[in-house]
């Protein structure tokens, strides 16, 4: 399980980005990959899954 912080999340469009706490990389997150509701600056845990344009955060939960 990876950890990170929600950098940006647009509820109306249903997507955002999570900044990884270890590597400073950013990963795309879609509303379909959420377990819990998230907002900007939330600490989260997540897994990575290959998407159409690279790695996506899935199984995103509040930490």
PDB file of N, CA and C in Angstrom:
ATOM      1  N   UNK A   1       0.846  -1.178   0.000  1.00  0.00           N
ATOM      2  CA  UNK A   1       0.000   0.000   0.000  1.00  0.00           C
ATOM      3  C   UNK A   1       0.890   1.240   0.000  1.00  0.00           C
ATOM      4  N   UNK A   2       0.650   2.145  -0.905  1.00  0.00           N
ATOM      5  CA  UNK A   2       1.416   3.384  -0.979  1.00  0.00           C
ATOM      6  C   UNK A   2       0.676   4.475  -0.204  1.00  0.00           C
ATOM      7  N   UNK A   3       1.398   5.515   0.180  1.00  0.00           N
ATOM      8  CA  UNK A   3       0.785   6.638   0.877  1.00  0.00           C
ATOM      9  C   UNK A   3       1.077   7.922   0.118  1.00  0.00           C
ATOM     10  N   UNK A   4       0.184   8.887   0.268  1.00  0.00           N
ATOM     11  CA  UNK A   4       0.384  10.166  -0.392  1.00  0.00           C
ATOM     12  C   UNK A   4      -0.611  11.190   0.083  1.00  0.00           C
ATOM     13  N   UNK A   5      -0.599  12.329  -0.604  1.00  0.00           N
ATOM     14  CA  UNK A   5      -1.466  13.442  -0.262  1.00  0.00           C
ATOM     15  C   UNK A   5      -2.206  13.882  -1.526  1.00  0.00           C
ATOM     16  N   UNK A   6      -3.491  14.166  -1.367  1.00  0.00           N
ATOM     17  CA  UNK A   6      -4.288  14.619  -2.505  1.00  0.00           C
ATOM     18  C   UNK A   6      -3.844  16.038  -2.859  1.00  0.00           C
ATOM     19  N   UNK A   7      -3.270  16.197  -4.049  1.00  0.00           N
ATOM     20  CA  UNK A   7      -2.808  17.508  -4.496  1.00  0.00           C
ATOM     21  C   UNK A   7      -3.963  18.317  -5.074  1.00  0.00           C
ATOM     22  N   UNK A   8      -4.849  17.627  -5.798  1.00  0.00           N
ATOM     23  CA  UNK A   8      -5.962  18.288  -6.471  1.00  0.00           C
ATOM     24  C   UNK A   8      -7.056  17.259  -6.683  1.00  0.00           C
ATOM     25  N   UNK A   9      -8.311  17.642  -6.459  1.00  0.00           N
ATOM     26  CA  UNK A   9      -9.428  16.758  -6.803  1.00  0.00           C
ATOM     27  C   UNK A   9     -10.641  17.602  -7.165  1.00  0.00           C
ATOM     28  N   UNK A  10     -11.163  17.406  -8.362  1.00  0.00           N
ATOM     29  CA  UNK A  10     -12.333  18.132  -8.850  1.00  0.00           C
ATOM     30  C   UNK A  10     -13.533  17.205  -8.749  1.00  0.00           C
ATOM     31  N   UNK A  11     -14.398  17.444  -7.768  1.00  0.00           N
ATOM     32  CA  UNK A  11     -15.557  16.564  -7.550  1.00  0.00           C
ATOM     33  C   UNK A  11     -16.512  16.563  -8.727  1.00  0.00           C
ATOM     34  N   UNK A  12     -16.738  17.725  -9.341  1.00  0.00           N
ATOM     35  CA  UNK A  12     -17.710  17.791 -10.438  1.00  0.00           C
ATOM     36  C   UNK A  12     -17.223  17.045 -11.679  1.00  0.00           C
ATOM     37  N   UNK A  13     -15.908  17.021 -11.903  1.00  0.00           N
ATOM     38  CA  UNK A  13     -15.367  16.291 -13.055  1.00  0.00           C
ATOM     39  C   UNK A  13     -14.959  14.864 -12.700  1.00  0.00           C
ATOM     40  N   UNK A  14     -14.791  14.580 -11.406  1.00  0.00           N
ATOM     41  CA  UNK A  14     -14.526  13.221 -10.954  1.00  0.00           C
ATOM     42  C   UNK A  14     -13.105  12.726 -11.114  1.00  0.00           C
ATOM     43  N   UNK A  15     -12.135  13.636 -11.051  1.00  0.00           N
ATOM     44  CA  UNK A  15     -10.742  13.196 -11.126  1.00  0.00           C
ATOM     45  C   UNK A  15      -9.826  14.155 -10.372  1.00  0.00           C
ATOM     46  N   UNK A  16      -8.589  13.703 -10.177  1.00  0.00           N
ATOM     47  CA  UNK A  16      -7.599  14.538  -9.515  1.00  0.00           C
ATOM     48  C   UNK A  16      -6.238  13.877  -9.553  1.00  0.00           C
ATOM     49  N   UNK A  17      -5.345  14.339  -8.662  1.00  0.00           N
ATOM     50  CA  UNK A  17      -3.984  13.827  -8.620  1.00  0.00           C
ATOM     51  C   UNK A  17      -3.543  13.634  -7.174  1.00  0.00           C
ATOM     52  N   UNK A  18      -2.777  12.573  -6.956  1.00  0.00           N
ATOM     53  CA  UNK A  18      -2.215  12.270  -5.645  1.00  0.00           C
ATOM     54  C   UNK A  18      -0.702  12.357  -5.754  1.00  0.00           C
ATOM     55  N   UNK A  19      -0.078  13.063  -4.813  1.00  0.00           N
ATOM     56  CA  UNK A  19       1.382  13.159  -4.769  1.00  0.00           C
ATOM     57  C   UNK A  19       1.900  12.087  -3.817  1.00  0.00           C
ATOM     58  N   UNK A  20       2.750  11.207  -4.329  1.00  0.00           N
ATOM     59  CA  UNK A  20       3.303  10.106  -3.535  1.00  0.00           C
ATOM     60  C   UNK A  20       4.229  10.658  -2.452  1.00  0.00           C
ATOM     61  N   UNK A  21       4.123  10.116  -1.239  1.00  0.00           N
ATOM     62  CA  UNK A  21       4.917  10.631  -0.122  1.00  0.00           C
ATOM     63  C   UNK A  21       6.373  10.185  -0.181  1.00  0.00           C
ATOM     64  N   UNK A  22       6.689   9.121  -0.914  1.00  0.00           N
ATOM     65  CA  UNK A  22       8.075   8.639  -0.970  1.00  0.00           C
ATOM     66  C   UNK A  22       8.843   9.165  -2.176  1.00  0.00           C
ATOM     67  N   UNK A  23       8.190   9.213  -3.333  1.00  0.00           N
ATOM     68  CA  UNK A  23       8.928   9.536  -4.557  1.00  0.00           C
ATOM     69  C   UNK A  23       8.635  10.918  -5.122  1.00  0.00           C
ATOM     70  N   UNK A  24       7.679  11.635  -4.567  1.00  0.00           N
ATOM     71  CA  UNK A  24       7.243  12.935  -5.087  1.00  0.00           C
ATOM     72  C   UNK A  24       6.625  12.843  -6.482  1.00  0.00           C
ATOM     73  N   UNK A  25       6.346  11.625  -6.973  1.00  0.00           N
ATOM     74  CA  UNK A  25       5.640  11.469  -8.244  1.00  0.00           C
ATOM     75  C   UNK A  25       4.165  11.745  -8.019  1.00  0.00           C
ATOM     76  N   UNK A  26       3.477  12.139  -9.092  1.00  0.00           N
ATOM     77  CA  UNK A  26       2.042  12.377  -9.017  1.00  0.00           C
ATOM     78  C   UNK A  26       1.312  11.344  -9.853  1.00  0.00           C
ATOM     79  N   UNK A  27       0.190  10.856  -9.315  1.00  0.00           N
ATOM     80  CA  UNK A  27      -0.598   9.836  -9.994  1.00  0.00           C
ATOM     81  C   UNK A  27      -2.031  10.313 -10.180  1.00  0.00           C
ATOM     82  N   UNK A  28      -2.563  10.025 -11.350  1.00  0.00           N
ATOM     83  CA  UNK A  28      -3.943  10.347 -11.683  1.00  0.00           C
ATOM     84  C   UNK A  28      -4.877   9.478 -10.845  1.00  0.00           C
ATOM     85  N   UNK A  29      -5.971  10.050 -10.382  1.00  0.00           N
ATOM     86  CA  UNK A  29      -7.000   9.285  -9.669  1.00  0.00           C
ATOM     87  C   UNK A  29      -8.359   9.666 -10.243  1.00  0.00           C
ATOM     88  N   UNK A  30      -9.155   8.651 -10.553  1.00  0.00           N
ATOM     89  CA  UNK A  30     -10.509   8.844 -11.064  1.00  0.00           C
ATOM     90  C   UNK A  30     -11.486   8.462  -9.965  1.00  0.00           C
ATOM     91  N   UNK A  31     -12.666   9.063  -9.972  1.00  0.00           N
ATOM     92  CA  UNK A  31     -13.675   8.790  -8.943  1.00  0.00           C
ATOM     93  C   UNK A  31     -13.989   7.295  -8.845  1.00  0.00           C
ATOM     94  N   UNK A  32     -13.840   6.560  -9.932  1.00  0.00           N
ATOM     95  CA  UNK A  32     -14.108   5.117  -9.902  1.00  0.00           C
ATOM     96  C   UNK A  32     -13.070   4.348  -9.081  1.00  0.00           C
ATOM     97  N   UNK A  33     -11.922   4.972  -8.784  1.00  0.00           N
ATOM     98  CA  UNK A  33     -10.876   4.324  -7.991  1.00  0.00           C
ATOM     99  C   UNK A  33     -10.935   4.669  -6.517  1.00  0.00           C
ATOM    100  N   UNK A  34     -11.979   5.387  -6.098  1.00  0.00           N
ATOM    101  CA  UNK A  34     -12.087   5.809  -4.699  1.00  0.00           C
ATOM    102  C   UNK A  34     -12.871   4.810  -3.863  1.00  0.00           C
ATOM    103  N   UNK A  35     -12.393   4.581  -2.651  1.00  0.00           N
ATOM    104  CA  UNK A  35     -13.159   3.835  -1.644  1.00  0.00           C
ATOM    105  C   UNK A  35     -13.843   4.843  -0.732  1.00  0.00           C
ATOM    106  N   UNK A  36     -13.111   5.895  -0.340  1.00  0.00           N
ATOM    107  CA  UNK A  36     -13.633   6.971   0.504  1.00  0.00           C
ATOM    108  C   UNK A  36     -13.707   8.260  -0.311  1.00  0.00           C
ATOM    109  N   UNK A  37     -14.545   9.199   0.131  1.00  0.00           N
ATOM    110  CA  UNK A  37     -14.575  10.532  -0.475  1.00  0.00           C
ATOM    111  C   UNK A  37     -13.273  11.243  -0.103  1.00  0.00           C
ATOM    112  N   UNK A  38     -12.665  11.949  -1.065  1.00  0.00           N
ATOM    113  CA  UNK A  38     -11.418  12.662  -0.779  1.00  0.00           C
ATOM    114  C   UNK A  38     -11.546  14.126  -1.161  1.00  0.00           C
ATOM    115  N   UNK A  39     -10.675  14.942  -0.534  1.00  0.00           N
ATOM    116  CA  UNK A  39     -10.573  16.374  -0.835  1.00  0.00           C
ATOM    117  C   UNK A  39      -9.096  16.734  -0.885  1.00  0.00           C
ATOM    118  N   UNK A  40      -8.814  17.919  -1.399  1.00  0.00           N
ATOM    119  CA  UNK A  40      -7.431  18.387  -1.442  1.00  0.00           C
ATOM    120  C   UNK A  40      -6.822  18.364  -0.046  1.00  0.00           C
ATOM    121  N   UNK A  41      -5.548  17.992   0.023  1.00  0.00           N
ATOM    122  CA  UNK A  41      -4.735  17.929   1.245  1.00  0.00           C
ATOM    123  C   UNK A  41      -5.045  16.738   2.142  1.00  0.00           C
ATOM    124  N   UNK A  42      -5.960  15.839   1.749  1.00  0.00           N
ATOM    125  CA  UNK A  42      -6.204  14.628   2.529  1.00  0.00           C
ATOM    126  C   UNK A  42      -5.007  13.678   2.401  1.00  0.00           C
ATOM    127  N   UNK A  43      -4.650  13.029   3.509  1.00  0.00           N
ATOM    128  CA  UNK A  43      -3.640  11.966   3.488  1.00  0.00           C
ATOM    129  C   UNK A  43      -4.366  10.681   3.110  1.00  0.00           C
ATOM    130  N   UNK A  44      -3.819   9.934   2.138  1.00  0.00           N
ATOM    131  CA  UNK A  44      -4.499   8.742   1.632  1.00  0.00           C
ATOM    132  C   UNK A  44      -3.528   7.572   1.477  1.00  0.00           C
ATOM    133  N   UNK A  45      -4.107   6.378   1.421  1.00  0.00           N
ATOM    134  CA  UNK A  45      -3.375   5.188   1.013  1.00  0.00           C
ATOM    135  C   UNK A  45      -3.992   4.732  -0.300  1.00  0.00           C
ATOM    136  N   UNK A  46      -3.178   4.075  -1.137  1.00  0.00           N
ATOM    137  CA  UNK A  46      -3.666   3.679  -2.452  1.00  0.00           C
ATOM    138  C   UNK A  46      -2.777   2.607  -3.056  1.00  0.00           C
ATOM    139  N   UNK A  47      -3.260   2.022  -4.140  1.00  0.00           N
ATOM    140  CA  UNK A  47      -2.492   1.070  -4.931  1.00  0.00           C
ATOM    141  C   UNK A  47      -2.377   1.637  -6.333  1.00  0.00           C
ATOM    142  N   UNK A  48      -1.429   1.132  -7.109  1.00  0.00           N
ATOM    143  CA  UNK A  48      -1.257   1.597  -8.481  1.00  0.00           C
ATOM    144  C   UNK A  48      -1.713   0.527  -9.456  1.00  0.00           C
ATOM    145  N   UNK A  49      -2.304   0.985 -10.553  1.00  0.00           N
ATOM    146  CA  UNK A  49      -2.786   0.080 -11.589  1.00  0.00           C
ATOM    147  C   UNK A  49      -2.524   0.747 -12.938  1.00  0.00           C
ATOM    148  N   UNK A  50      -2.079  -0.037 -13.912  1.00  0.00           N
ATOM    149  CA  UNK A  50      -1.808   0.506 -15.243  1.00  0.00           C
ATOM    150  C   UNK A  50      -3.103   0.982 -15.882  1.00  0.00           C
ATOM    151  N   UNK A  51      -3.094   2.211 -16.356  1.00  0.00           N
ATOM    152  CA  UNK A  51      -4.252   2.778 -17.040  1.00  0.00           C
ATOM    153  C   UNK A  51      -3.915   3.058 -18.494  1.00  0.00           C
ATOM    154  N   UNK A  52      -4.808   3.739 -19.191  1.00  0.00           N
ATOM    155  CA  UNK A  52      -4.593   4.039 -20.605  1.00  0.00           C
ATOM    156  C   UNK A  52      -3.397   4.955 -20.831  1.00  0.00           C
ATOM    157  N   UNK A  53      -3.132   5.852 -19.881  1.00  0.00           N
ATOM    158  CA  UNK A  53      -2.051   6.824 -20.057  1.00  0.00           C
ATOM    159  C   UNK A  53      -0.990   6.704 -18.967  1.00  0.00           C
ATOM    160  N   UNK A  54      -0.798   5.526 -18.408  1.00  0.00           N
ATOM    161  CA  UNK A  54       0.195   5.348 -17.357  1.00  0.00           C
ATOM    162  C   UNK A  54      -0.435   4.814 -16.085  1.00  0.00           C
ATOM    163  N   UNK A  55       0.286   4.977 -14.981  1.00  0.00           N
ATOM    164  CA  UNK A  55      -0.180   4.437 -13.707  1.00  0.00           C
ATOM    165  C   UNK A  55      -1.261   5.319 -13.096  1.00  0.00           C
ATOM    166  N   UNK A  56      -2.305   4.679 -12.583  1.00  0.00           N
ATOM    167  CA  UNK A  56      -3.411   5.369 -11.904  1.00  0.00           C
ATOM    168  C   UNK A  56      -3.496   4.889 -10.469  1.00  0.00           C
ATOM    169  N   UNK A  57      -3.925   5.773  -9.576  1.00  0.00           N
ATOM    170  CA  UNK A  57      -4.173   5.404  -8.186  1.00  0.00           C
ATOM    171  C   UNK A  57      -5.570   4.772  -8.103  1.00  0.00           C
ATOM    172  N   UNK A  58      -5.631   3.597  -7.449  1.00  0.00           N
ATOM    173  CA  UNK A  58      -6.910   2.903  -7.253  1.00  0.00           C
ATOM    174  C   UNK A  58      -7.004   2.453  -5.797  1.00  0.00           C
ATOM    175  N   UNK A  59      -8.184   2.032  -5.376  1.00  0.00           N
ATOM    176  CA  UNK A  59      -8.423   1.628  -3.979  1.00  0.00           C
ATOM    177  C   UNK A  59      -7.977   2.730  -3.016  1.00  0.00           C
ATOM    178  N   UNK A  60      -8.319   3.974  -3.357  1.00  0.00           N
ATOM    179  CA  UNK A  60      -7.889   5.137  -2.574  1.00  0.00           C
ATOM    180  C   UNK A  60      -8.751   5.261  -1.321  1.00  0.00           C
ATOM    181  N   UNK A  61      -8.073   5.281  -0.166  1.00  0.00           N
ATOM    182  CA  UNK A  61      -8.744   5.391   1.131  1.00  0.00           C
ATOM    183  C   UNK A  61      -8.100   6.483   1.955  1.00  0.00           C
ATOM    184  N   UNK A  62      -8.880   7.094   2.843  1.00  0.00           N
ATOM    185  CA  UNK A  62      -8.311   8.064   3.776  1.00  0.00           C
ATOM    186  C   UNK A  62      -7.360   7.351   4.730  1.00  0.00           C
ATOM    187  N   UNK A  63      -6.238   7.984   5.006  1.00  0.00           N
ATOM    188  CA  UNK A  63      -5.233   7.357   5.885  1.00  0.00           C
ATOM    189  C   UNK A  63      -5.598   7.564   7.339  1.00  0.00           C
TER     190      UNK A  63
END
